[in-house]
Amino acid sequence: MKFDGEVNFMDAMDVCLQQEKERFNKLILVTWKSIADIKKGIKGEILMTPLLDEMYNAFLNNQIP
């Protein structure tokens, strides 16, 4: 990191990209968990909540849940 009066834009970009990567990884985890819960709900292993049912119906209709 430079402290000679110049702004190091690559360091700022690295911080931004790291934050976006963390957010995207959280989104992926939520997506995987939701899909796993929908599979279990279809099998009858867990109860289908209204949210899971809405997501399942969106998948069947080729829509974004």
PDB file of N, CA and C in Angstrom:
ATOM      1  N   MET A   1       0.847  -1.173   0.000  1.00  0.00           N
ATOM      2  CA  MET A   1       0.000   0.000   0.000  1.00  0.00           C
ATOM      3  C   MET A   1       0.890   1.232   0.000  1.00  0.00           C
ATOM      4  N   LYS A   2       0.587   2.207  -0.852  1.00  0.00           N
ATOM      5  CA  LYS A   2       1.410   3.409  -0.957  1.00  0.00           C
ATOM      6  C   LYS A   2       0.849   4.515  -0.067  1.00  0.00           C
ATOM      7  N   PHE A   3       1.757   5.242   0.577  1.00  0.00           N
ATOM      8  CA  PHE A   3       1.351   6.374   1.401  1.00  0.00           C
ATOM      9  C   PHE A   3       2.098   7.634   0.988  1.00  0.00           C
ATOM     10  N   ASP A   4       2.490   7.714  -0.267  1.00  0.00           N
ATOM     11  CA  ASP A   4       3.267   8.859  -0.728  1.00  0.00           C
ATOM     12  C   ASP A   4       2.385   9.964  -1.309  1.00  0.00           C
ATOM     13  N   GLY A   5       1.123  10.009  -0.901  1.00  0.00           N
ATOM     14  CA  GLY A   5       0.225  11.053  -1.389  1.00  0.00           C
ATOM     15  C   GLY A   5      -0.630  10.602  -2.556  1.00  0.00           C
ATOM     16  N   GLU A   6      -0.243   9.542  -3.237  1.00  0.00           N
ATOM     17  CA  GLU A   6      -1.027   9.036  -4.350  1.00  0.00           C
ATOM     18  C   GLU A   6      -2.007   7.983  -3.844  1.00  0.00           C
ATOM     19  N   VAL A   7      -3.159   7.985  -4.455  1.00  0.00           N
ATOM     20  CA  VAL A   7      -4.154   6.973  -4.096  1.00  0.00           C
ATOM     21  C   VAL A   7      -3.868   5.742  -4.930  1.00  0.00           C
ATOM     22  N   ASN A   8      -3.762   4.626  -4.251  1.00  0.00           N
ATOM     23  CA  ASN A   8      -3.514   3.376  -4.961  1.00  0.00           C
ATOM     24  C   ASN A   8      -4.872   2.746  -5.275  1.00  0.00           C
ATOM     25  N   PHE A   9      -5.330   2.914  -6.492  1.00  0.00           N
ATOM     26  CA  PHE A   9      -6.653   2.445  -6.878  1.00  0.00           C
ATOM     27  C   PHE A   9      -6.742   0.920  -6.913  1.00  0.00           C
ATOM     28  N   MET A  10      -5.648   0.235  -7.134  1.00  0.00           N
ATOM     29  CA  MET A  10      -5.693  -1.228  -7.156  1.00  0.00           C
ATOM     30  C   MET A  10      -5.996  -1.772  -5.769  1.00  0.00           C
ATOM     31  N   ASP A  11      -5.471  -1.142  -4.727  1.00  0.00           N
ATOM     32  CA  ASP A  11      -5.794  -1.589  -3.374  1.00  0.00           C
ATOM     33  C   ASP A  11      -7.276  -1.396  -3.086  1.00  0.00           C
ATOM     34  N   ALA A  12      -7.822  -0.268  -3.515  1.00  0.00           N
ATOM     35  CA  ALA A  12      -9.250  -0.005  -3.322  1.00  0.00           C
ATOM     36  C   ALA A  12     -10.083  -1.014  -4.113  1.00  0.00           C
ATOM     37  N   MET A  13      -9.657  -1.331  -5.308  1.00  0.00           N
ATOM     38  CA  MET A  13     -10.375  -2.299  -6.137  1.00  0.00           C
ATOM     39  C   MET A  13     -10.301  -3.686  -5.508  1.00  0.00           C
ATOM     40  N   ASP A  14      -9.141  -4.032  -4.947  1.00  0.00           N
ATOM     41  CA  ASP A  14      -8.995  -5.325  -4.280  1.00  0.00           C
ATOM     42  C   ASP A  14      -9.957  -5.455  -3.108  1.00  0.00           C
ATOM     43  N   VAL A  15     -10.098  -4.385  -2.321  1.00  0.00           N
ATOM     44  CA  VAL A  15     -11.016  -4.397  -1.184  1.00  0.00           C
ATOM     45  C   VAL A  15     -12.447  -4.581  -1.673  1.00  0.00           C
ATOM     46  N   CYS A  16     -12.808  -3.845  -2.709  1.00  0.00           N
ATOM     47  CA  CYS A  16     -14.156  -3.941  -3.265  1.00  0.00           C
ATOM     48  C   CYS A  16     -14.434  -5.344  -3.798  1.00  0.00           C
ATOM     49  N   LEU A  17     -13.498  -5.894  -4.532  1.00  0.00           N
ATOM     50  CA  LEU A  17     -13.682  -7.237  -5.086  1.00  0.00           C
ATOM     51  C   LEU A  17     -13.763  -8.293  -3.989  1.00  0.00           C
ATOM     52  N   GLN A  18     -12.992  -8.124  -2.928  1.00  0.00           N
ATOM     53  CA  GLN A  18     -13.038  -9.060  -1.803  1.00  0.00           C
ATOM     54  C   GLN A  18     -14.422  -9.026  -1.142  1.00  0.00           C
ATOM     55  N   GLN A  19     -14.967  -7.830  -0.956  1.00  0.00           N
ATOM     56  CA  GLN A  19     -16.290  -7.704  -0.356  1.00  0.00           C
ATOM     57  C   GLN A  19     -17.361  -8.329  -1.238  1.00  0.00           C
ATOM     58  N   GLU A  20     -17.267  -8.102  -2.534  1.00  0.00           N
ATOM     59  CA  GLU A  20     -18.239  -8.688  -3.459  1.00  0.00           C
ATOM     60  C   GLU A  20     -18.128 -10.206  -3.492  1.00  0.00           C
ATOM     61  N   LYS A  21     -16.904 -10.709  -3.398  1.00  0.00           N
ATOM     62  CA  LYS A  21     -16.696 -12.162  -3.376  1.00  0.00           C
ATOM     63  C   LYS A  21     -17.347 -12.774  -2.142  1.00  0.00           C
ATOM     64  N   GLU A  22     -17.195 -12.125  -0.999  1.00  0.00           N
ATOM     65  CA  GLU A  22     -17.799 -12.618   0.237  1.00  0.00           C
ATOM     66  C   GLU A  22     -19.325 -12.617   0.138  1.00  0.00           C
ATOM     67  N   ARG A  23     -19.890 -11.556  -0.420  1.00  0.00           N
ATOM     68  CA  ARG A  23     -21.351 -11.487  -0.582  1.00  0.00           C
ATOM     69  C   ARG A  23     -21.849 -12.582  -1.528  1.00  0.00           C
ATOM     70  N   PHE A  24     -21.119 -12.788  -2.630  1.00  0.00           N
ATOM     71  CA  PHE A  24     -21.536 -13.790  -3.595  1.00  0.00           C
ATOM     72  C   PHE A  24     -21.449 -15.188  -3.000  1.00  0.00           C
ATOM     73  N   ASN A  25     -20.413 -15.455  -2.200  1.00  0.00           N
ATOM     74  CA  ASN A  25     -20.282 -16.762  -1.552  1.00  0.00           C
ATOM     75  C   ASN A  25     -21.440 -17.009  -0.595  1.00  0.00           C
ATOM     76  N   LYS A  26     -21.877 -15.970   0.134  1.00  0.00           N
ATOM     77  CA  LYS A  26     -23.037 -16.115   1.018  1.00  0.00           C
ATOM     78  C   LYS A  26     -24.287 -16.425   0.210  1.00  0.00           C
ATOM     79  N   LEU A  27     -24.442 -15.757  -0.939  1.00  0.00           N
ATOM     80  CA  LEU A  27     -25.594 -16.010  -1.801  1.00  0.00           C
ATOM     81  C   LEU A  27     -25.590 -17.447  -2.302  1.00  0.00           C
ATOM     82  N   ILE A  28     -24.429 -17.950  -2.681  1.00  0.00           N
ATOM     83  CA  ILE A  28     -24.319 -19.330  -3.157  1.00  0.00           C
ATOM     84  C   ILE A  28     -24.703 -20.310  -2.056  1.00  0.00           C
ATOM     85  N   LEU A  29     -24.247 -20.048  -0.834  1.00  0.00           N
ATOM     86  CA  LEU A  29     -24.588 -20.938   0.282  1.00  0.00           C
ATOM     87  C   LEU A  29     -26.089 -20.959   0.546  1.00  0.00           C
ATOM     88  N   VAL A  30     -26.727 -19.807   0.509  1.00  0.00           N
ATOM     89  CA  VAL A  30     -28.175 -19.739   0.718  1.00  0.00           C
ATOM     90  C   VAL A  30     -28.901 -20.480  -0.399  1.00  0.00           C
ATOM     91  N   THR A  31     -28.411 -20.330  -1.626  1.00  0.00           N
ATOM     92  CA  THR A  31     -29.027 -21.007  -2.767  1.00  0.00           C
ATOM     93  C   THR A  31     -28.916 -22.518  -2.619  1.00  0.00           C
ATOM     94  N   TRP A  32     -27.722 -23.007  -2.275  1.00  0.00           N
ATOM     95  CA  TRP A  32     -27.526 -24.452  -2.105  1.00  0.00           C
ATOM     96  C   TRP A  32     -28.408 -25.006  -1.002  1.00  0.00           C
ATOM     97  N   LYS A  33     -28.494 -24.275   0.121  1.00  0.00           N
ATOM     98  CA  LYS A  33     -29.317 -24.732   1.240  1.00  0.00           C
ATOM     99  C   LYS A  33     -30.792 -24.761   0.841  1.00  0.00           C
ATOM    100  N   SER A  34     -31.230 -23.759   0.109  1.00  0.00           N
ATOM    101  CA  SER A  34     -32.630 -23.710  -0.327  1.00  0.00           C
ATOM    102  C   SER A  34     -32.951 -24.868  -1.261  1.00  0.00           C
ATOM    103  N   ILE A  35     -32.060 -25.141  -2.189  1.00  0.00           N
ATOM    104  CA  ILE A  35     -32.288 -26.253  -3.121  1.00  0.00           C
ATOM    105  C   ILE A  35     -32.310 -27.575  -2.373  1.00  0.00           C
ATOM    106  N   ALA A  36     -31.404 -27.738  -1.406  1.00  0.00           N
ATOM    107  CA  ALA A  36     -31.393 -28.966  -0.609  1.00  0.00           C
ATOM    108  C   ALA A  36     -32.702 -29.100   0.182  1.00  0.00           C
ATOM    109  N   ASP A  37     -33.197 -27.993   0.741  1.00  0.00           N
ATOM    110  CA  ASP A  37     -34.458 -28.029   1.487  1.00  0.00           C
ATOM    111  C   ASP A  37     -35.641 -28.342   0.576  1.00  0.00           C
ATOM    112  N   ILE A  38     -35.630 -27.814  -0.636  1.00  0.00           N
ATOM    113  CA  ILE A  38     -36.709 -28.123  -1.588  1.00  0.00           C
ATOM    114  C   ILE A  38     -36.690 -29.611  -1.923  1.00  0.00           C
ATOM    115  N   LYS A  39     -35.503 -30.172  -2.145  1.00  0.00           N
ATOM    116  CA  LYS A  39     -35.401 -31.613  -2.425  1.00  0.00           C
ATOM    117  C   LYS A  39     -35.956 -32.432  -1.267  1.00  0.00           C
ATOM    118  N   LYS A  40     -35.589 -32.046  -0.035  1.00  0.00           N
ATOM    119  CA  LYS A  40     -36.095 -32.758   1.133  1.00  0.00           C
ATOM    120  C   LYS A  40     -37.605 -32.603   1.264  1.00  0.00           C
ATOM    121  N   GLY A  41     -38.120 -31.420   0.944  1.00  0.00           N
ATOM    122  CA  GLY A  41     -39.558 -31.185   1.002  1.00  0.00           C
ATOM    123  C   GLY A  41     -40.313 -32.021  -0.019  1.00  0.00           C
ATOM    124  N   ILE A  42     -39.757 -32.172  -1.198  1.00  0.00           N
ATOM    125  CA  ILE A  42     -40.388 -32.997  -2.231  1.00  0.00           C
ATOM    126  C   ILE A  42     -40.420 -34.455  -1.782  1.00  0.00           C
ATOM    127  N   LYS A  43     -39.347 -34.912  -1.140  1.00  0.00           N
ATOM    128  CA  LYS A  43     -39.294 -36.289  -0.648  1.00  0.00           C
ATOM    129  C   LYS A  43     -40.172 -36.501   0.579  1.00  0.00           C
ATOM    130  N   GLY A  44     -40.570 -35.410   1.234  1.00  0.00           N
ATOM    131  CA  GLY A  44     -41.387 -35.523   2.432  1.00  0.00           C
ATOM    132  C   GLY A  44     -40.578 -35.628   3.712  1.00  0.00           C
ATOM    133  N   GLU A  45     -39.300 -35.362   3.624  1.00  0.00           N
ATOM    134  CA  GLU A  45     -38.440 -35.446   4.797  1.00  0.00           C
ATOM    135  C   GLU A  45     -38.617 -34.240   5.722  1.00  0.00           C
ATOM    136  N   ILE A  46     -38.967 -33.093   5.146  1.00  0.00           N
ATOM    137  CA  ILE A  46     -39.252 -31.900   5.936  1.00  0.00           C
ATOM    138  C   ILE A  46     -40.536 -31.280   5.406  1.00  0.00           C
ATOM    139  N   LEU A  47     -41.122 -30.382   6.189  1.00  0.00           N
ATOM    140  CA  LEU A  47     -42.322 -29.692   5.747  1.00  0.00           C
ATOM    141  C   LEU A  47     -41.957 -28.594   4.757  1.00  0.00           C
ATOM    142  N   MET A  48     -42.769 -28.461   3.727  1.00  0.00           N
ATOM    143  CA  MET A  48     -42.560 -27.388   2.764  1.00  0.00           C
ATOM    144  C   MET A  48     -43.158 -26.106   3.351  1.00  0.00           C
ATOM    145  N   THR A  49     -42.310 -25.146   3.628  1.00  0.00           N
ATOM    146  CA  THR A  49     -42.790 -23.857   4.097  1.00  0.00           C
ATOM    147  C   THR A  49     -43.389 -23.109   2.909  1.00  0.00           C
ATOM    148  N   PRO A  50     -44.190 -22.101   3.172  1.00  0.00           N
ATOM    149  CA  PRO A  50     -44.724 -21.319   2.041  1.00  0.00           C
ATOM    150  C   PRO A  50     -43.621 -20.732   1.159  1.00  0.00           C
ATOM    151  N   LEU A  51     -42.513 -20.328   1.770  1.00  0.00           N
ATOM    152  CA  LEU A  51     -41.406 -19.778   0.984  1.00  0.00           C
ATOM    153  C   LEU A  51     -40.795 -20.850   0.078  1.00  0.00           C
ATOM    154  N   LEU A  52     -40.570 -22.050   0.611  1.00  0.00           N
ATOM    155  CA  LEU A  52     -40.020 -23.140  -0.203  1.00  0.00           C
ATOM    156  C   LEU A  52     -40.988 -23.531  -1.315  1.00  0.00           C
ATOM    157  N   ASP A  53     -42.278 -23.539  -1.002  1.00  0.00           N
ATOM    158  CA  ASP A  53     -43.279 -23.867  -2.008  1.00  0.00           C
ATOM    159  C   ASP A  53     -43.302 -22.820  -3.117  1.00  0.00           C
ATOM    160  N   GLU A  54     -43.174 -21.568  -2.743  1.00  0.00           N
ATOM    161  CA  GLU A  54     -43.128 -20.491  -3.734  1.00  0.00           C
ATOM    162  C   GLU A  54     -41.899 -20.618  -4.628  1.00  0.00           C
ATOM    163  N   MET A  55     -40.759 -20.948  -4.017  1.00  0.00           N
ATOM    164  CA  MET A  55     -39.533 -21.142  -4.804  1.00  0.00           C
ATOM    165  C   MET A  55     -39.673 -22.329  -5.749  1.00  0.00           C
ATOM    166  N   TYR A  56     -40.245 -23.418  -5.253  1.00  0.00           N
ATOM    167  CA  TYR A  56     -40.427 -24.613  -6.076  1.00  0.00           C
ATOM    168  C   TYR A  56     -41.328 -24.309  -7.276  1.00  0.00           C
ATOM    169  N   ASN A  57     -42.416 -23.608  -7.032  1.00  0.00           N
ATOM    170  CA  ASN A  57     -43.321 -23.247  -8.128  1.00  0.00           C
ATOM    171  C   ASN A  57     -42.650 -22.310  -9.131  1.00  0.00           C
ATOM    172  N   ALA A  58     -41.797 -21.413  -8.646  1.00  0.00           N
ATOM    173  CA  ALA A  58     -41.070 -20.533  -9.557  1.00  0.00           C
ATOM    174  C   ALA A  58     -40.130 -21.342 -10.445  1.00  0.00           C
ATOM    175  N   PHE A  59     -39.460 -22.341  -9.861  1.00  0.00           N
ATOM    176  CA  PHE A  59     -38.581 -23.205 -10.670  1.00  0.00           C
ATOM    177  C   PHE A  59     -39.382 -23.950 -11.729  1.00  0.00           C
ATOM    178  N   LEU A  60     -40.558 -24.445 -11.358  1.00  0.00           N
ATOM    179  CA  LEU A  60     -41.382 -25.185 -12.316  1.00  0.00           C
ATOM    180  C   LEU A  60     -41.848 -24.306 -13.464  1.00  0.00           C
ATOM    181  N   ASN A  61     -42.037 -23.014 -13.200  1.00  0.00           N
ATOM    182  CA  ASN A  61     -42.527 -22.084 -14.214  1.00  0.00           C
ATOM    183  C   ASN A  61     -41.394 -21.301 -14.898  1.00  0.00           C
ATOM    184  N   ASN A  62     -40.160 -21.754 -14.702  1.00  0.00           N
ATOM    185  CA  ASN A  62     -38.984 -21.099 -15.287  1.00  0.00           C
ATOM    186  C   ASN A  62     -38.927 -19.611 -14.939  1.00  0.00           C
ATOM    187  N   GLN A  63     -39.190 -19.314 -13.671  1.00  0.00           N
ATOM    188  CA  GLN A  63     -39.122 -17.949 -13.196  1.00  0.00           C
ATOM    189  C   GLN A  63     -38.028 -17.842 -12.141  1.00  0.00           C
ATOM    190  N   ILE A  64     -37.667 -16.616 -11.846  1.00  0.00           N
ATOM    191  CA  ILE A  64     -36.676 -16.374 -10.799  1.00  0.00           C
ATOM    192  C   ILE A  64     -37.397 -16.351  -9.460  1.00  0.00           C
ATOM    193  N   PRO A  65     -36.994 -17.197  -8.530  1.00  0.00           N
ATOM    194  CA  PRO A  65     -37.683 -17.219  -7.226  1.00  0.00           C
ATOM    195  C   PRO A  65     -37.376 -15.976  -6.399  1.00  0.00           C
TER     196      PRO A  65
END
